[in-house]
Amino acid sequence: MPYGTPEETSRRTYRARAISVESVGEYKLMITCDAETDNMAAPEVAALFQKFVDHLSTSPDFTVTATRTKEFVEQVTPTA
C-alpha cells in the first residue's frame, strides 16, 4: 500500500506528569494531566501550558515532566 506525504494536523496533545518524591508503600504516586480546549493549535495554549508546568515545578514534593505531541496524517491508497 502506498503512503502519501505526511501532513501535519492541528491536533496537539499537551500532557504533564507529576511523580511524588515520597512513596506510598513501595510505589510513587503519579498524577497525569492532559490539557484540552477547542483550539489546541492556538499559540496561547503553549504559553498557558508552560505556565502550568512552571507552577507545578516549584513544588519540592514532585518531579514534573511534560510533553507536547503533534499529529501527522498520511493518506493510504490501495495497491492496484
N, C-alpha and C. Protein backbone atom coordinates (compact mmCIF):
# COMPACT_ATOMS: atom_id res chain seq x y z
N MET A 1 0.84 -1.18 0.00
CA MET A 1 0.00 0.00 0.00
C MET A 1 0.88 1.24 0.00
N PRO A 2 0.67 2.11 -0.95
CA PRO A 2 1.45 3.33 -0.97
C PRO A 2 0.96 4.32 0.10
N TYR A 3 1.91 5.00 0.69
CA TYR A 3 1.59 6.03 1.68
C TYR A 3 1.84 7.39 1.07
N GLY A 4 0.99 8.33 1.42
CA GLY A 4 1.15 9.69 0.93
C GLY A 4 2.16 10.46 1.76
N THR A 5 2.28 11.72 1.45
CA THR A 5 3.18 12.60 2.18
C THR A 5 2.58 12.91 3.55
N PRO A 6 3.37 12.78 4.61
CA PRO A 6 2.84 13.12 5.94
C PRO A 6 2.43 14.60 5.99
N GLU A 7 1.25 14.84 6.49
CA GLU A 7 0.75 16.20 6.64
C GLU A 7 0.44 16.45 8.11
N GLU A 8 0.94 17.58 8.59
CA GLU A 8 0.70 17.93 9.98
C GLU A 8 -0.75 18.39 10.16
N THR A 9 -1.38 17.91 11.21
CA THR A 9 -2.75 18.35 11.51
C THR A 9 -2.67 19.41 12.61
N SER A 10 -3.80 19.97 12.93
CA SER A 10 -3.82 20.97 14.01
C SER A 10 -3.96 20.30 15.38
N ARG A 11 -4.01 19.00 15.40
CA ARG A 11 -4.19 18.28 16.67
C ARG A 11 -2.90 18.28 17.48
N ARG A 12 -2.99 18.73 18.71
CA ARG A 12 -1.87 18.76 19.64
C ARG A 12 -2.33 18.13 20.95
N THR A 13 -1.43 17.46 21.60
CA THR A 13 -1.70 16.91 22.92
C THR A 13 -0.64 17.42 23.88
N TYR A 14 -1.08 18.04 24.94
CA TYR A 14 -0.19 18.52 25.99
C TYR A 14 -0.44 17.67 27.23
N ARG A 15 0.63 17.12 27.80
CA ARG A 15 0.48 16.26 28.97
C ARG A 15 1.56 16.61 30.00
N ALA A 16 1.12 16.77 31.23
CA ALA A 16 2.05 16.98 32.34
C ALA A 16 1.92 15.81 33.29
N ARG A 17 3.04 15.42 33.85
CA ARG A 17 3.04 14.30 34.79
C ARG A 17 3.87 14.70 36.01
N ALA A 18 3.28 14.53 37.17
CA ALA A 18 3.98 14.80 38.43
C ALA A 18 4.13 13.48 39.18
N ILE A 19 5.36 13.18 39.59
CA ILE A 19 5.64 11.95 40.33
C ILE A 19 6.14 12.34 41.71
N SER A 20 5.50 11.78 42.72
CA SER A 20 5.84 12.15 44.10
C SER A 20 7.25 11.72 44.46
N VAL A 21 7.89 12.55 45.25
CA VAL A 21 9.20 12.20 45.80
C VAL A 21 8.99 11.13 46.89
N GLU A 22 7.94 11.30 47.65
CA GLU A 22 7.58 10.37 48.72
C GLU A 22 6.87 9.15 48.13
N SER A 23 7.07 8.02 48.73
CA SER A 23 6.42 6.79 48.26
C SER A 23 5.16 6.51 49.06
N VAL A 24 4.23 5.85 48.40
CA VAL A 24 3.03 5.32 49.05
C VAL A 24 3.26 3.82 49.10
N GLY A 25 3.62 3.32 50.27
CA GLY A 25 4.05 1.94 50.34
C GLY A 25 5.38 1.83 49.60
N GLU A 26 5.43 0.97 48.60
CA GLU A 26 6.66 0.84 47.82
C GLU A 26 6.60 1.56 46.46
N TYR A 27 5.52 2.32 46.24
CA TYR A 27 5.34 2.97 44.94
C TYR A 27 5.26 4.48 45.07
N LYS A 28 5.64 5.16 44.02
CA LYS A 28 5.47 6.61 43.91
C LYS A 28 4.05 6.90 43.42
N LEU A 29 3.53 8.04 43.79
CA LEU A 29 2.22 8.48 43.30
C LEU A 29 2.44 9.25 42.00
N MET A 30 1.77 8.84 40.93
CA MET A 30 1.90 9.50 39.63
C MET A 30 0.57 10.18 39.29
N ILE A 31 0.65 11.47 38.99
CA ILE A 31 -0.54 12.24 38.61
C ILE A 31 -0.32 12.74 37.19
N THR A 32 -1.25 12.42 36.30
CA THR A 32 -1.14 12.82 34.90
C THR A 32 -2.28 13.77 34.56
N CYS A 33 -1.94 14.83 33.83
CA CYS A 33 -2.92 15.85 33.47
C CYS A 33 -2.80 16.15 31.98
N ASP A 34 -3.91 16.05 31.25
CA ASP A 34 -3.94 16.40 29.82
C ASP A 34 -4.66 17.73 29.65
N ALA A 35 -4.10 18.61 28.82
CA ALA A 35 -4.74 19.89 28.53
C ALA A 35 -5.71 19.72 27.37
N GLU A 36 -6.86 20.38 27.47
CA GLU A 36 -7.87 20.30 26.41
C GLU A 36 -8.52 21.65 26.17
N THR A 37 -8.76 21.96 24.91
CA THR A 37 -9.53 23.13 24.52
C THR A 37 -10.02 22.89 23.09
N ASP A 38 -10.89 23.74 22.59
CA ASP A 38 -11.41 23.56 21.23
C ASP A 38 -10.39 23.90 20.16
N ASN A 39 -9.37 24.69 20.49
CA ASN A 39 -8.36 25.08 19.50
C ASN A 39 -6.97 24.85 20.07
N MET A 40 -6.53 23.61 20.04
CA MET A 40 -5.23 23.26 20.61
C MET A 40 -4.05 23.84 19.83
N ALA A 41 -4.28 24.30 18.59
CA ALA A 41 -3.21 24.87 17.78
C ALA A 41 -2.98 26.35 18.07
N ALA A 42 -3.84 26.96 18.87
CA ALA A 42 -3.67 28.38 19.20
C ALA A 42 -2.37 28.58 19.97
N PRO A 43 -1.61 29.61 19.64
CA PRO A 43 -0.32 29.83 20.31
C PRO A 43 -0.45 30.07 21.81
N GLU A 44 -1.60 30.56 22.23
CA GLU A 44 -1.80 30.82 23.66
C GLU A 44 -1.80 29.53 24.49
N VAL A 45 -2.16 28.42 23.85
CA VAL A 45 -2.20 27.13 24.56
C VAL A 45 -0.80 26.78 25.06
N ALA A 46 0.19 26.89 24.21
CA ALA A 46 1.56 26.55 24.60
C ALA A 46 2.04 27.45 25.75
N ALA A 47 1.72 28.73 25.69
CA ALA A 47 2.15 29.67 26.72
C ALA A 47 1.48 29.35 28.07
N LEU A 48 0.18 29.08 28.04
CA LEU A 48 -0.52 28.75 29.28
C LEU A 48 -0.07 27.41 29.86
N PHE A 49 0.17 26.45 28.99
CA PHE A 49 0.64 25.15 29.46
C PHE A 49 2.01 25.29 30.10
N GLN A 50 2.86 26.12 29.50
CA GLN A 50 4.19 26.35 30.08
C GLN A 50 4.08 26.97 31.47
N LYS A 51 3.16 27.91 31.65
CA LYS A 51 2.93 28.50 32.98
C LYS A 51 2.50 27.42 33.98
N PHE A 52 1.62 26.54 33.54
CA PHE A 52 1.14 25.46 34.40
C PHE A 52 2.30 24.55 34.82
N VAL A 53 3.14 24.17 33.87
CA VAL A 53 4.29 23.30 34.17
C VAL A 53 5.26 24.03 35.10
N ASP A 54 5.50 25.30 34.85
CA ASP A 54 6.39 26.08 35.72
C ASP A 54 5.85 26.11 37.15
N HIS A 55 4.55 26.28 37.28
CA HIS A 55 3.92 26.31 38.61
C HIS A 55 4.08 24.96 39.32
N LEU A 56 3.79 23.87 38.61
CA LEU A 56 3.95 22.54 39.21
C LEU A 56 5.39 22.28 39.63
N SER A 57 6.32 22.77 38.85
CA SER A 57 7.73 22.51 39.09
C SER A 57 8.28 23.20 40.34
N THR A 58 7.52 24.14 40.89
CA THR A 58 8.01 24.83 42.09
C THR A 58 7.88 23.96 43.34
N SER A 59 7.11 22.90 43.28
CA SER A 59 6.93 22.03 44.44
C SER A 59 8.13 21.11 44.62
N PRO A 60 8.68 21.07 45.82
CA PRO A 60 9.79 20.14 46.07
C PRO A 60 9.29 18.70 46.28
N ASP A 61 7.98 18.53 46.34
CA ASP A 61 7.40 17.21 46.62
C ASP A 61 7.18 16.35 45.39
N PHE A 62 7.35 16.95 44.20
CA PHE A 62 7.08 16.22 42.96
C PHE A 62 8.17 16.48 41.93
N THR A 63 8.42 15.46 41.11
CA THR A 63 9.25 15.61 39.92
C THR A 63 8.28 15.74 38.75
N VAL A 64 8.45 16.79 37.95
CA VAL A 64 7.49 17.09 36.89
C VAL A 64 8.11 16.89 35.51
N THR A 65 7.37 16.21 34.64
CA THR A 65 7.75 16.11 33.23
C THR A 65 6.55 16.56 32.41
N ALA A 66 6.81 17.02 31.20
CA ALA A 66 5.72 17.47 30.33
C ALA A 66 6.09 17.20 28.88
N THR A 67 5.05 16.95 28.07
CA THR A 67 5.26 16.69 26.65
C THR A 67 4.20 17.40 25.82
N ARG A 68 4.57 17.69 24.58
CA ARG A 68 3.61 18.14 23.58
C ARG A 68 3.77 17.21 22.39
N THR A 69 2.67 16.65 21.94
CA THR A 69 2.68 15.74 20.80
C THR A 69 1.90 16.37 19.66
N LYS A 70 2.48 16.32 18.46
CA LYS A 70 1.80 16.80 17.25
C LYS A 70 1.40 15.58 16.44
N GLU A 71 0.26 15.67 15.78
CA GLU A 71 -0.22 14.56 14.98
C GLU A 71 0.08 14.81 13.51
N PHE A 72 0.56 13.77 12.84
CA PHE A 72 0.77 13.79 11.41
C PHE A 72 -0.11 12.71 10.79
N VAL A 73 -0.62 12.98 9.60
CA VAL A 73 -1.51 12.04 8.91
C VAL A 73 -0.94 11.74 7.54
N GLU A 74 -0.99 10.45 7.16
CA GLU A 74 -0.60 10.03 5.80
C GLU A 74 -1.80 9.34 5.18
N GLN A 75 -2.15 9.73 4.00
CA GLN A 75 -3.23 9.06 3.27
C GLN A 75 -2.68 7.75 2.73
N VAL A 76 -3.46 6.69 2.86
CA VAL A 76 -3.07 5.36 2.36
C VAL A 76 -4.01 5.00 1.23
N THR A 77 -3.43 4.59 0.10
CA THR A 77 -4.24 4.19 -1.04
C THR A 77 -4.02 2.71 -1.33
N PRO A 78 -5.07 2.03 -1.78
CA PRO A 78 -4.91 0.61 -2.07
C PRO A 78 -3.98 0.40 -3.27
N THR A 79 -3.28 -0.71 -3.26
CA THR A 79 -2.44 -1.03 -4.41
C THR A 79 -3.32 -1.57 -5.53
N ALA A 80 -2.92 -1.28 -6.75
CA ALA A 80 -3.72 -1.69 -7.91
C ALA A 80 -3.52 -3.16 -8.22
